Amino acid sequence: MKKFIIVLLLICLVLSFASTICAAKLRFAFMPGIADPFYFTMEKGAKAKAEELGVELLVGEYPKAWGPEYQVPILKALVARGDIDLLFTAPTSTEALIPVLKEIHDSGIPVITVDTYLGDGDYTKPSNYNFPLAFIGTDNFLGGQVVAGQLALLLGGKGKVFLENTNPDVSSVMGRELGFRAGIKIFPDMELVGVEYCLDLQETAATQVSAALQKDPDLEGVFGVNVFSAQGAHQAVVTAGLEGAIKIATWDATETLIEALKRGEVDLILAQMPAEMGALCVEWGVKHLTEGAEIPRKVIPGFFVFTQENVNDPEAQQYIYK
């Protein structure tokens, strides 16, 4: 009987040790879309969750510009290590990243797309892009509608507005544009007079918004759909001396935009939850690999809307991108 107990204890110890080793060996890779505060904050959230769960997190070099031509070489070098258990990444194109990520998936590395998705984002239907485990990111269409409604309220339900977008083949920002268009249509006296794409270059955004202000002197509102387009729109309005006269709605709560909101130069900021997105990728990845858990094909964190009324609230500070 004593021998049996000793053997049983030894088995338990071996299993416990093996379990610890397996957990320690989990190695995830994160491939961001571009170097900006949104993805830096996402990395921090992912790292915190990885440390909590005993996962090693590798982070690919941040691309200096947005696009497959910048992201793909770094992505390929990252997975070429051959020791990655799961990849989560923000595809910089709805189409161009499909064959690259499919090849990674076929090599045995599960893929989660975060912030942006492949195709139309519906991974449940038969397609050449339904292989990712999940999409984890904001409901961008809903967010665009919310921004449209808030901007319309700031303008009393009437006026001309302009949208500064960034990349026409990226799911997140196009969702915001489509949602904004749908939201503006609800207000019969609101008019969207133009849309431009800055390709994630703040100076280009500033130039395009400046041109829009000159073309339509009675323009009353601008919506910048991401970090670069928003900060460029703000730059253009301030340079023109129209802060306060032009209502500015922005997306992504960078410290730069938060300070502009406090000064009254920006009127509205929609903050996503990048840290939560990163943490969810790690958490669901661990559940899938260690428990066989099936990840929901879409995991949608919420968002927070900053205004001049709540920007200094203590509870709101957690939503600023650091």
C-alpha atoms as a PDB file:
ATOM      1  CA  MET A   1       0.000   0.000   0.000  1.00  0.00           C
ATOM      2  CA  LYS A   2       2.864   2.341   0.906  1.00  0.00           C
ATOM      3  CA  LYS A   3       4.551   1.582  -2.428  1.00  0.00           C
ATOM      4  CA  PHE A   4       1.333   2.369  -4.285  1.00  0.00           C
ATOM      5  CA  ILE A   5       1.013   5.738  -2.536  1.00  0.00           C
ATOM      6  CA  ILE A   6       4.640   6.603  -3.277  1.00  0.00           C
ATOM      7  CA  VAL A   7       4.219   5.695  -6.946  1.00  0.00           C
ATOM      8  CA  LEU A   8       1.001   7.714  -7.119  1.00  0.00           C
ATOM      9  CA  LEU A   9       2.737  10.745  -5.604  1.00  0.00           C
ATOM     10  CA  LEU A  10       5.620  10.411  -8.059  1.00  0.00           C
ATOM     11  CA  ILE A  11       3.196  10.257 -10.984  1.00  0.00           C
ATOM     12  CA  CYS A  12       1.413  13.377  -9.724  1.00  0.00           C
ATOM     13  CA  LEU A  13       4.725  15.202  -9.366  1.00  0.00           C
ATOM     14  CA  VAL A  14       5.824  14.185 -12.874  1.00  0.00           C
ATOM     15  CA  LEU A  15       2.496  15.258 -14.377  1.00  0.00           C
ATOM     16  CA  SER A  16       2.621  18.549 -12.504  1.00  0.00           C
ATOM     17  CA  PHE A  17       6.197  19.171 -13.679  1.00  0.00           C
ATOM     18  CA  ALA A  18       5.313  18.249 -17.263  1.00  0.00           C
ATOM     19  CA  SER A  19       2.321  20.572 -17.162  1.00  0.00           C
ATOM     20  CA  THR A  20       4.522  23.426 -15.942  1.00  0.00           C
ATOM     21  CA  ILE A  21       7.071  22.768 -18.675  1.00  0.00           C
ATOM     22  CA  CYS A  22       4.355  22.685 -21.362  1.00  0.00           C
ATOM     23  CA  ALA A  23       2.907  25.981 -20.179  1.00  0.00           C
ATOM     24  CA  ALA A  24       6.374  27.566 -20.089  1.00  0.00           C
ATOM     25  CA  LYS A  25       7.017  26.400 -23.645  1.00  0.00           C
ATOM     26  CA  LEU A  26       4.015  28.211 -25.093  1.00  0.00           C
ATOM     27  CA  ARG A  27       5.418  30.907 -27.334  1.00  0.00           C
ATOM     28  CA  PHE A  28       3.132  33.432 -29.040  1.00  0.00           C
ATOM     29  CA  ALA A  29       4.068  36.008 -31.677  1.00  0.00           C
ATOM     30  CA  PHE A  30       2.475  39.427 -32.197  1.00  0.00           C
ATOM     31  CA  MET A  31       2.883  41.194 -35.540  1.00  0.00           C
ATOM     32  CA  PRO A  32       1.603  44.807 -35.338  1.00  0.00           C
ATOM     33  CA  GLY A  33       0.422  46.882 -38.281  1.00  0.00           C
ATOM     34  CA  ILE A  34       2.534  50.006 -37.781  1.00  0.00           C
ATOM     35  CA  ALA A  35       4.474  51.902 -35.138  1.00  0.00           C
ATOM     36  CA  ASP A  36       1.867  54.009 -33.337  1.00  0.00           C
ATOM     37  CA  PRO A  37       0.438  54.460 -29.816  1.00  0.00           C
ATOM     38  CA  PHE A  38      -2.505  52.142 -30.544  1.00  0.00           C
ATOM     39  CA  TYR A  39      -0.302  49.109 -31.233  1.00  0.00           C
ATOM     40  CA  PHE A  40       2.177  50.018 -28.483  1.00  0.00           C
ATOM     41  CA  THR A  41      -0.752  49.920 -26.048  1.00  0.00           C
ATOM     42  CA  MET A  42      -1.949  46.618 -27.532  1.00  0.00           C
ATOM     43  CA  GLU A  43       1.521  45.149 -26.980  1.00  0.00           C
ATOM     44  CA  LYS A  44       1.479  46.240 -23.325  1.00  0.00           C
ATOM     45  CA  GLY A  45      -1.865  44.529 -22.751  1.00  0.00           C
ATOM     46  CA  ALA A  46      -0.654  41.353 -24.457  1.00  0.00           C
ATOM     47  CA  LYS A  47       2.603  41.323 -22.483  1.00  0.00           C
ATOM     48  CA  ALA A  48       0.811  41.751 -19.173  1.00  0.00           C
ATOM     49  CA  LYS A  49      -1.530  38.826 -19.917  1.00  0.00           C
ATOM     50  CA  ALA A  50       1.350  36.698 -21.248  1.00  0.00           C
ATOM     51  CA  GLU A  51       3.316  37.250 -18.053  1.00  0.00           C
ATOM     52  CA  GLU A  52       0.260  36.383 -15.985  1.00  0.00           C
ATOM     53  CA  LEU A  53      -0.308  33.119 -17.892  1.00  0.00           C
ATOM     54  CA  GLY A  54       3.338  32.102 -18.235  1.00  0.00           C
ATOM     55  CA  VAL A  55       3.516  32.572 -22.008  1.00  0.00           C
ATOM     56  CA  GLU A  56       6.571  33.871 -23.841  1.00  0.00           C
ATOM     57  CA  LEU A  57       5.554  36.695 -26.171  1.00  0.00           C
ATOM     58  CA  LEU A  58       7.626  37.616 -29.200  1.00  0.00           C
ATOM     59  CA  VAL A  59       6.876  40.925 -30.891  1.00  0.00           C
ATOM     60  CA  GLY A  60       7.770  41.552 -34.508  1.00  0.00           C
ATOM     61  CA  GLU A  61       9.617  44.698 -35.482  1.00  0.00           C
ATOM     62  CA  TYR A  62       7.157  47.561 -35.859  1.00  0.00           C
ATOM     63  CA  PRO A  63       6.750  48.509 -39.544  1.00  0.00           C
ATOM     64  CA  LYS A  64       7.698  52.132 -40.189  1.00  0.00           C
ATOM     65  CA  ALA A  65       4.772  52.549 -42.600  1.00  0.00           C
ATOM     66  CA  TRP A  66       1.448  50.820 -43.234  1.00  0.00           C
ATOM     67  CA  GLY A  67       1.119  48.217 -45.970  1.00  0.00           C
ATOM     68  CA  PRO A  68       1.846  44.593 -46.939  1.00  0.00           C
ATOM     69  CA  GLU A  69       5.186  45.611 -48.471  1.00  0.00           C
ATOM     70  CA  TYR A  70       6.368  46.718 -45.013  1.00  0.00           C
ATOM     71  CA  GLN A  71       4.618  44.130 -42.858  1.00  0.00           C
ATOM     72  CA  VAL A  72       5.073  40.882 -44.796  1.00  0.00           C
ATOM     73  CA  PRO A  73       8.915  40.650 -44.749  1.00  0.00           C
ATOM     74  CA  ILE A  74       8.959  41.211 -40.972  1.00  0.00           C
ATOM     75  CA  LEU A  75       6.110  38.728 -40.505  1.00  0.00           C
ATOM     76  CA  LYS A  76       7.874  36.049 -42.525  1.00  0.00           C
ATOM     77  CA  ALA A  77      11.109  36.531 -40.598  1.00  0.00           C
ATOM     78  CA  LEU A  78       9.211  36.258 -37.322  1.00  0.00           C
ATOM     79  CA  VAL A  79       7.526  32.931 -38.104  1.00  0.00           C
ATOM     80  CA  ALA A  80      10.650  31.540 -39.775  1.00  0.00           C
ATOM     81  CA  ARG A  81      12.000  30.874 -36.283  1.00  0.00           C
ATOM     82  CA  GLY A  82       9.978  27.660 -36.348  1.00  0.00           C
ATOM     83  CA  ASP A  83       9.174  27.684 -32.636  1.00  0.00           C
ATOM     84  CA  ILE A  84       5.953  29.726 -32.504  1.00  0.00           C
ATOM     85  CA  ASP A  85       2.777  28.152 -31.130  1.00  0.00           C
ATOM     86  CA  LEU A  86       0.348  30.898 -32.170  1.00  0.00           C
ATOM     87  CA  LEU A  87       0.396  34.146 -34.135  1.00  0.00           C
ATOM     88  CA  PHE A  88      -1.855  37.157 -33.682  1.00  0.00           C
ATOM     89  CA  THR A  89      -1.542  39.979 -36.149  1.00  0.00           C
ATOM     90  CA  ALA A  90      -3.243  43.025 -37.663  1.00  0.00           C
ATOM     91  CA  PRO A  91      -3.411  42.357 -41.435  1.00  0.00           C
ATOM     92  CA  THR A  92      -2.524  45.531 -43.330  1.00  0.00           C
ATOM     93  CA  SER A  93      -4.789  44.539 -46.229  1.00  0.00           C
ATOM     94  CA  THR A  94      -8.051  42.608 -46.435  1.00  0.00           C
ATOM     95  CA  GLU A  95      -6.810  40.708 -49.512  1.00  0.00           C
ATOM     96  CA  ALA A  96      -3.013  40.882 -49.843  1.00  0.00           C
ATOM     97  CA  LEU A  97      -2.394  39.160 -46.499  1.00  0.00           C
ATOM     98  CA  ILE A  98      -4.667  36.173 -47.228  1.00  0.00           C
ATOM     99  CA  PRO A  99      -2.072  33.969 -49.013  1.00  0.00           C
ATOM    100  CA  VAL A 100       0.688  34.903 -46.558  1.00  0.00           C
ATOM    101  CA  LEU A 101      -1.332  34.120 -43.442  1.00  0.00           C
ATOM    102  CA  LYS A 102      -2.847  31.008 -45.058  1.00  0.00           C
ATOM    103  CA  GLU A 103       0.666  29.676 -45.630  1.00  0.00           C
ATOM    104  CA  ILE A 104       1.509  30.333 -41.972  1.00  0.00           C
ATOM    105  CA  HIS A 105      -1.692  28.600 -40.886  1.00  0.00           C
ATOM    106  CA  ASP A 106      -0.985  25.621 -43.155  1.00  0.00           C
ATOM    107  CA  SER A 107       2.473  25.302 -41.594  1.00  0.00           C
ATOM    108  CA  GLY A 108       0.788  24.485 -38.287  1.00  0.00           C
ATOM    109  CA  ILE A 109       0.696  27.902 -36.603  1.00  0.00           C
ATOM    110  CA  PRO A 110      -2.833  28.971 -35.568  1.00  0.00           C
ATOM    111  CA  VAL A 111      -3.646  32.579 -36.523  1.00  0.00           C
ATOM    112  CA  ILE A 112      -5.805  35.213 -34.806  1.00  0.00           C
ATOM    113  CA  THR A 113      -6.408  38.537 -36.570  1.00  0.00           C
ATOM    114  CA  VAL A 114      -6.611  41.523 -34.243  1.00  0.00           C
ATOM    115  CA  ASP A 115      -7.881  45.052 -34.979  1.00  0.00           C
ATOM    116  CA  THR A 116      -8.174  44.300 -38.720  1.00  0.00           C
ATOM    117  CA  TYR A 117      -9.491  41.221 -40.512  1.00  0.00           C
ATOM    118  CA  LEU A 118      -9.256  39.336 -43.789  1.00  0.00           C
ATOM    119  CA  GLY A 119     -11.938  39.467 -46.490  1.00  0.00           C
ATOM    120  CA  ASP A 120     -15.212  40.670 -45.010  1.00  0.00           C
ATOM    121  CA  GLY A 121     -14.323  39.347 -41.558  1.00  0.00           C
ATOM    122  CA  ASP A 122     -16.871  36.528 -41.601  1.00  0.00           C
ATOM    123  CA  TYR A 123     -14.732  33.501 -40.797  1.00  0.00           C
ATOM    124  CA  THR A 124     -17.764  31.220 -40.424  1.00  0.00           C
ATOM    125  CA  LYS A 125     -18.606  30.915 -44.119  1.00  0.00           C
ATOM    126  CA  PRO A 126     -16.738  28.895 -46.765  1.00  0.00           C
ATOM    127  CA  SER A 127     -14.024  31.112 -48.264  1.00  0.00           C
ATOM    128  CA  ASN A 128     -10.293  31.345 -48.847  1.00  0.00           C
ATOM    129  CA  TYR A 129      -9.924  33.479 -45.708  1.00  0.00           C
ATOM    130  CA  ASN A 130     -11.929  31.569 -43.070  1.00  0.00           C
ATOM    131  CA  PHE A 131      -8.865  29.884 -41.535  1.00  0.00           C
ATOM    132  CA  PRO A 132      -8.114  32.330 -38.650  1.00  0.00           C
ATOM    133  CA  LEU A 133      -9.323  31.155 -35.263  1.00  0.00           C
ATOM    134  CA  ALA A 134     -10.972  34.522 -34.647  1.00  0.00           C
ATOM    135  CA  PHE A 135     -11.100  38.240 -35.246  1.00  0.00           C
ATOM    136  CA  ILE A 136     -10.620  40.264 -32.061  1.00  0.00           C
ATOM    137  CA  GLY A 137     -11.317  43.961 -32.502  1.00  0.00           C
ATOM    138  CA  THR A 138     -13.674  46.917 -32.370  1.00  0.00           C
ATOM    139  CA  ASP A 139     -17.060  47.067 -34.088  1.00  0.00           C
ATOM    140  CA  ASN A 140     -15.812  49.805 -36.384  1.00  0.00           C
ATOM    141  CA  PHE A 141     -19.098  50.284 -38.241  1.00  0.00           C
ATOM    142  CA  LEU A 142     -20.926  50.919 -34.965  1.00  0.00           C
ATOM    143  CA  GLY A 143     -18.158  53.249 -33.837  1.00  0.00           C
ATOM    144  CA  GLY A 144     -18.447  55.233 -37.067  1.00  0.00           C
ATOM    145  CA  GLN A 145     -22.191  55.586 -36.494  1.00  0.00           C
ATOM    146  CA  VAL A 146     -21.604  56.780 -32.934  1.00  0.00           C
ATOM    147  CA  VAL A 147     -19.099  59.404 -34.104  1.00  0.00           C
ATOM    148  CA  ALA A 148     -21.532  60.612 -36.789  1.00  0.00           C
ATOM    149  CA  GLY A 149     -24.316  60.981 -34.249  1.00  0.00           C
ATOM    150  CA  GLN A 150     -22.114  62.791 -31.730  1.00  0.00           C
ATOM    151  CA  LEU A 151     -20.751  65.160 -34.388  1.00  0.00           C
ATOM    152  CA  ALA A 152     -24.260  65.868 -35.647  1.00  0.00           C
ATOM    153  CA  LEU A 153     -25.357  66.743 -32.117  1.00  0.00           C
ATOM    154  CA  LEU A 154     -22.383  69.097 -31.720  1.00  0.00           C
ATOM    155  CA  LEU A 155     -23.473  70.848 -34.934  1.00  0.00           C
ATOM    156  CA  GLY A 156     -27.157  71.047 -34.027  1.00  0.00           C
ATOM    157  CA  GLY A 157     -28.101  68.433 -36.633  1.00  0.00           C
ATOM    158  CA  LYS A 158     -27.046  70.449 -39.694  1.00  0.00           C
ATOM    159  CA  GLY A 159     -23.906  71.380 -41.583  1.00  0.00           C
ATOM    160  CA  LYS A 160     -21.185  70.201 -43.930  1.00  0.00           C
ATOM    161  CA  VAL A 161     -18.642  67.662 -42.705  1.00  0.00           C
ATOM    162  CA  PHE A 162     -15.497  66.094 -44.148  1.00  0.00           C
ATOM    163  CA  LEU A 163     -13.969  62.671 -43.500  1.00  0.00           C
ATOM    164  CA  GLU A 164     -10.208  62.106 -43.439  1.00  0.00           C
ATOM    165  CA  ASN A 165      -9.544  58.380 -43.906  1.00  0.00           C
ATOM    166  CA  THR A 166      -6.298  56.510 -44.387  1.00  0.00           C
ATOM    167  CA  ASN A 167      -6.281  53.230 -46.401  1.00  0.00           C
ATOM    168  CA  PRO A 168      -9.128  52.103 -48.678  1.00  0.00           C
ATOM    169  CA  ASP A 169      -8.248  48.383 -48.432  1.00  0.00           C
ATOM    170  CA  VAL A 170      -8.149  48.032 -44.636  1.00  0.00           C
ATOM    171  CA  SER A 171     -11.165  46.619 -42.810  1.00  0.00           C
ATOM    172  CA  SER A 172     -11.047  48.763 -39.672  1.00  0.00           C
ATOM    173  CA  VAL A 173     -10.938  52.221 -41.229  1.00  0.00           C
ATOM    174  CA  MET A 174     -13.352  51.335 -44.023  1.00  0.00           C
ATOM    175  CA  GLY A 175     -15.808  50.081 -41.396  1.00  0.00           C
ATOM    176  CA  ARG A 176     -15.549  53.455 -39.675  1.00  0.00           C
ATOM    177  CA  GLU A 177     -16.158  55.297 -42.940  1.00  0.00           C
ATOM    178  CA  LEU A 178     -19.188  53.166 -43.822  1.00  0.00           C
ATOM    179  CA  GLY A 179     -20.608  53.561 -40.325  1.00  0.00           C
ATOM    180  CA  PHE A 180     -20.061  57.320 -40.451  1.00  0.00           C
ATOM    181  CA  ARG A 181     -21.772  57.570 -43.827  1.00  0.00           C
ATOM    182  CA  ALA A 182     -24.748  55.592 -42.511  1.00  0.00           C
ATOM    183  CA  GLY A 183     -24.911  57.725 -39.378  1.00  0.00           C
ATOM    184  CA  ILE A 184     -24.806  61.025 -41.257  1.00  0.00           C
ATOM    185  CA  LYS A 185     -27.695  59.913 -43.476  1.00  0.00           C
ATOM    186  CA  ILE A 186     -29.946  59.833 -40.424  1.00  0.00           C
ATOM    187  CA  PHE A 187     -29.710  63.634 -40.277  1.00  0.00           C
ATOM    188  CA  PRO A 188     -31.282  65.158 -43.426  1.00  0.00           C
ATOM    189  CA  ASP A 189     -29.559  68.510 -42.906  1.00  0.00           C
ATOM    190  CA  MET A 190     -26.083  67.014 -42.565  1.00  0.00           C
ATOM    191  CA  GLU A 191     -23.902  66.665 -45.669  1.00  0.00           C
ATOM    192  CA  LEU A 192     -20.690  64.678 -46.126  1.00  0.00           C
ATOM    193  CA  VAL A 193     -18.858  66.806 -48.703  1.00  0.00           C
ATOM    194  CA  GLY A 194     -15.695  64.749 -49.197  1.00  0.00           C
ATOM    195  CA  VAL A 195     -13.443  61.838 -48.235  1.00  0.00           C
ATOM    196  CA  GLU A 196      -9.669  61.616 -48.639  1.00  0.00           C
ATOM    197  CA  TYR A 197      -7.087  58.906 -47.842  1.00  0.00           C
ATOM    198  CA  CYS A 198      -3.749  59.878 -46.315  1.00  0.00           C
ATOM    199  CA  LEU A 199      -2.159  56.389 -46.322  1.00  0.00           C
ATOM    200  CA  ASP A 200      -1.206  56.781 -42.648  1.00  0.00           C
ATOM    201  CA  LEU A 201       0.839  59.926 -43.235  1.00  0.00           C
ATOM    202  CA  GLN A 202      -0.068  62.703 -40.819  1.00  0.00           C
ATOM    203  CA  GLU A 203       1.369  65.453 -43.020  1.00  0.00           C
ATOM    204  CA  THR A 204      -0.665  64.195 -45.994  1.00  0.00           C
ATOM    205  CA  ALA A 205      -3.788  64.250 -43.821  1.00  0.00           C
ATOM    206  CA  ALA A 206      -3.041  67.815 -42.777  1.00  0.00           C
ATOM    207  CA  THR A 207      -2.601  68.864 -46.413  1.00  0.00           C
ATOM    208  CA  GLN A 208      -5.834  67.154 -47.501  1.00  0.00           C
ATOM    209  CA  VAL A 209      -7.890  68.688 -44.678  1.00  0.00           C
ATOM    210  CA  SER A 210      -6.384  72.118 -45.409  1.00  0.00           C
ATOM    211  CA  ALA A 211      -7.496  71.759 -49.033  1.00  0.00           C
ATOM    212  CA  ALA A 212     -10.990  70.739 -47.894  1.00  0.00           C
ATOM    213  CA  LEU A 213     -11.230  73.834 -45.665  1.00  0.00           C
ATOM    214  CA  GLN A 214     -10.288  76.060 -48.595  1.00  0.00           C
ATOM    215  CA  LYS A 215     -12.678  74.318 -50.979  1.00  0.00           C
ATOM    216  CA  ASP A 216     -15.627  74.590 -48.570  1.00  0.00           C
ATOM    217  CA  PRO A 217     -15.255  77.717 -46.409  1.00  0.00           C
ATOM    218  CA  ASP A 218     -18.550  76.824 -44.719  1.00  0.00           C
ATOM    219  CA  LEU A 219     -17.276  73.404 -43.624  1.00  0.00           C
ATOM    220  CA  GLU A 220     -18.249  72.867 -39.993  1.00  0.00           C
ATOM    221  CA  GLY A 221     -16.949  69.456 -38.982  1.00  0.00           C
ATOM    222  CA  VAL A 222     -14.130  66.969 -39.647  1.00  0.00           C
ATOM    223  CA  PHE A 223     -13.773  63.316 -38.659  1.00  0.00           C
ATOM    224  CA  GLY A 224     -10.292  61.733 -38.610  1.00  0.00           C
ATOM    225  CA  VAL A 225     -10.620  57.946 -38.570  1.00  0.00           C
ATOM    226  CA  ASN A 226      -7.299  56.895 -36.985  1.00  0.00           C
ATOM    227  CA  VAL A 227      -4.199  58.217 -35.225  1.00  0.00           C
ATOM    228  CA  PHE A 228      -2.542  59.758 -38.288  1.00  0.00           C
ATOM    229  CA  SER A 229      -5.637  61.107 -40.029  1.00  0.00           C
ATOM    230  CA  ALA A 230      -7.000  62.500 -36.743  1.00  0.00           C
ATOM    231  CA  GLN A 231      -3.769  64.210 -35.722  1.00  0.00           C
ATOM    232  CA  GLY A 232      -3.368  65.562 -39.271  1.00  0.00           C
ATOM    233  CA  ALA A 233      -6.919  66.940 -39.236  1.00  0.00           C
ATOM    234  CA  HIS A 234      -6.258  68.636 -35.902  1.00  0.00           C
ATOM    235  CA  GLN A 235      -2.993  70.073 -37.229  1.00  0.00           C
ATOM    236  CA  ALA A 236      -4.739  71.531 -40.299  1.00  0.00           C
ATOM    237  CA  VAL A 237      -7.541  73.176 -38.319  1.00  0.00           C
ATOM    238  CA  VAL A 238      -5.125  74.715 -35.789  1.00  0.00           C
ATOM    239  CA  THR A 239      -2.827  75.972 -38.575  1.00  0.00           C
ATOM    240  CA  ALA A 240      -5.841  77.628 -40.214  1.00  0.00           C
ATOM    241  CA  GLY A 241      -6.735  79.280 -36.895  1.00  0.00           C
ATOM    242  CA  LEU A 242     -10.150  77.619 -36.903  1.00  0.00           C
ATOM    243  CA  GLU A 243      -9.980  75.683 -33.655  1.00  0.00           C
ATOM    244  CA  GLY A 244     -13.362  75.934 -31.980  1.00  0.00           C
ATOM    245  CA  ALA A 245     -15.045  77.062 -35.191  1.00  0.00           C
ATOM    246  CA  ILE A 246     -14.569  73.631 -36.819  1.00  0.00           C
ATOM    247  CA  LYS A 247     -15.830  70.717 -34.746  1.00  0.00           C
ATOM    248  CA  ILE A 248     -13.276  67.896 -34.807  1.00  0.00           C
ATOM    249  CA  ALA A 249     -14.224  64.293 -34.098  1.00  0.00           C
ATOM    250  CA  THR A 250     -11.316  61.853 -33.877  1.00  0.00           C
ATOM    251  CA  TRP A 251     -10.611  58.164 -33.442  1.00  0.00           C
ATOM    252  CA  ASP A 252      -7.878  56.799 -31.117  1.00  0.00           C
ATOM    253  CA  ALA A 253      -7.096  58.341 -27.751  1.00  0.00           C
ATOM    254  CA  THR A 254      -3.435  59.264 -28.133  1.00  0.00           C
ATOM    255  CA  GLU A 255      -1.929  61.555 -25.513  1.00  0.00           C
ATOM    256  CA  THR A 256      -1.527  64.202 -28.232  1.00  0.00           C
ATOM    257  CA  LEU A 257      -5.252  64.188 -29.038  1.00  0.00           C
ATOM    258  CA  ILE A 258      -6.256  64.035 -25.360  1.00  0.00           C
ATOM    259  CA  GLU A 259      -4.230  67.182 -24.670  1.00  0.00           C
ATOM    260  CA  ALA A 260      -5.858  68.861 -27.698  1.00  0.00           C
ATOM    261  CA  LEU A 261      -9.276  67.915 -26.303  1.00  0.00           C
ATOM    262  CA  LYS A 262      -8.390  69.474 -22.963  1.00  0.00           C
ATOM    263  CA  ARG A 263      -7.399  72.696 -24.745  1.00  0.00           C
ATOM    264  CA  GLY A 264     -10.699  72.778 -26.617  1.00  0.00           C
ATOM    265  CA  GLU A 265      -9.055  72.175 -30.024  1.00  0.00           C
ATOM    266  CA  VAL A 266     -10.716  68.754 -30.445  1.00  0.00           C
ATOM    267  CA  ASP A 267     -14.328  68.019 -29.521  1.00  0.00           C
ATOM    268  CA  LEU A 268     -14.661  64.236 -29.470  1.00  0.00           C
ATOM    269  CA  ILE A 269     -12.361  61.200 -29.311  1.00  0.00           C
ATOM    270  CA  LEU A 270     -13.461  57.597 -29.674  1.00  0.00           C
ATOM    271  CA  ALA A 271     -11.058  55.358 -27.754  1.00  0.00           C
ATOM    272  CA  GLN A 272     -10.737  51.706 -28.640  1.00  0.00           C
ATOM    273  CA  MET A 273      -9.530  49.073 -26.154  1.00  0.00           C
ATOM    274  CA  PRO A 274      -6.135  48.041 -27.601  1.00  0.00           C
ATOM    275  CA  ALA A 275      -4.722  46.678 -24.336  1.00  0.00           C
ATOM    276  CA  GLU A 276      -7.810  44.506 -23.886  1.00  0.00           C
ATOM    277  CA  MET A 277      -7.509  43.282 -27.492  1.00  0.00           C
ATOM    278  CA  GLY A 278      -3.918  42.185 -26.915  1.00  0.00           C
ATOM    279  CA  ALA A 279      -4.805  40.493 -23.638  1.00  0.00           C
ATOM    280  CA  LEU A 280      -7.741  38.655 -25.219  1.00  0.00           C
ATOM    281  CA  CYS A 281      -5.524  37.291 -27.999  1.00  0.00           C
ATOM    282  CA  VAL A 282      -3.179  35.770 -25.431  1.00  0.00           C
ATOM    283  CA  GLU A 283      -5.963  34.548 -23.143  1.00  0.00           C
ATOM    284  CA  TRP A 284      -7.979  32.871 -25.886  1.00  0.00           C
ATOM    285  CA  GLY A 285      -4.823  31.474 -27.462  1.00  0.00           C
ATOM    286  CA  VAL A 286      -3.885  29.749 -24.213  1.00  0.00           C
ATOM    287  CA  LYS A 287      -7.410  28.384 -23.751  1.00  0.00           C
ATOM    288  CA  HIS A 288      -7.409  27.023 -27.295  1.00  0.00           C
ATOM    289  CA  LEU A 289      -4.006  25.344 -27.053  1.00  0.00           C
ATOM    290  CA  THR A 290      -4.201  23.989 -23.503  1.00  0.00           C
ATOM    291  CA  GLU A 291      -7.924  23.251 -23.116  1.00  0.00           C
ATOM    292  CA  GLY A 292      -9.042  22.793 -26.706  1.00  0.00           C
ATOM    293  CA  ALA A 293     -11.445  25.689 -26.234  1.00  0.00           C
ATOM    294  CA  GLU A 294     -13.235  26.924 -29.337  1.00  0.00           C
ATOM    295  CA  ILE A 295     -12.698  30.669 -29.700  1.00  0.00           C
ATOM    296  CA  PRO A 296     -15.723  32.727 -30.772  1.00  0.00           C
ATOM    297  CA  ARG A 297     -15.078  33.686 -34.394  1.00  0.00           C
ATOM    298  CA  LYS A 298     -15.608  37.329 -33.432  1.00  0.00           C
ATOM    299  CA  VAL A 299     -14.601  38.834 -30.084  1.00  0.00           C
ATOM    300  CA  ILE A 300     -15.643  42.496 -29.909  1.00  0.00           C
ATOM    301  CA  PRO A 301     -14.388  44.717 -27.067  1.00  0.00           C
ATOM    302  CA  GLY A 302     -16.260  47.977 -26.492  1.00  0.00           C
ATOM    303  CA  PHE A 303     -15.077  51.562 -26.806  1.00  0.00           C
ATOM    304  CA  PHE A 304     -15.157  54.784 -24.802  1.00  0.00           C
ATOM    305  CA  VAL A 305     -16.059  58.260 -26.037  1.00  0.00           C
ATOM    306  CA  PHE A 306     -14.017  61.152 -24.634  1.00  0.00           C
ATOM    307  CA  THR A 307     -15.588  64.620 -24.559  1.00  0.00           C
ATOM    308  CA  GLN A 308     -14.500  67.881 -22.988  1.00  0.00           C
ATOM    309  CA  GLU A 309     -16.898  67.096 -20.135  1.00  0.00           C
ATOM    310  CA  ASN A 310     -15.355  63.759 -19.120  1.00  0.00           C
ATOM    311  CA  VAL A 311     -11.721  63.978 -20.273  1.00  0.00           C
ATOM    312  CA  ASN A 312     -10.454  64.718 -16.763  1.00  0.00           C
ATOM    313  CA  ASP A 313     -12.562  62.083 -14.985  1.00  0.00           C
ATOM    314  CA  PRO A 314     -10.306  59.663 -13.065  1.00  0.00           C
ATOM    315  CA  GLU A 315     -12.130  56.627 -14.477  1.00  0.00           C
ATOM    316  CA  ALA A 316     -11.592  57.830 -18.050  1.00  0.00           C
ATOM    317  CA  GLN A 317      -7.794  57.883 -17.770  1.00  0.00           C
ATOM    318  CA  GLN A 318      -7.507  54.108 -18.289  1.00  0.00           C
ATOM    319  CA  TYR A 319      -8.656  54.526 -21.907  1.00  0.00           C
ATOM    320  CA  ILE A 320      -5.817  56.812 -22.970  1.00  0.00           C
ATOM    321  CA  TYR A 321      -3.226  55.099 -25.173  1.00  0.00           C
ATOM    322  CA  LYS A 322       0.121  55.070 -23.391  1.00  0.00           C
END
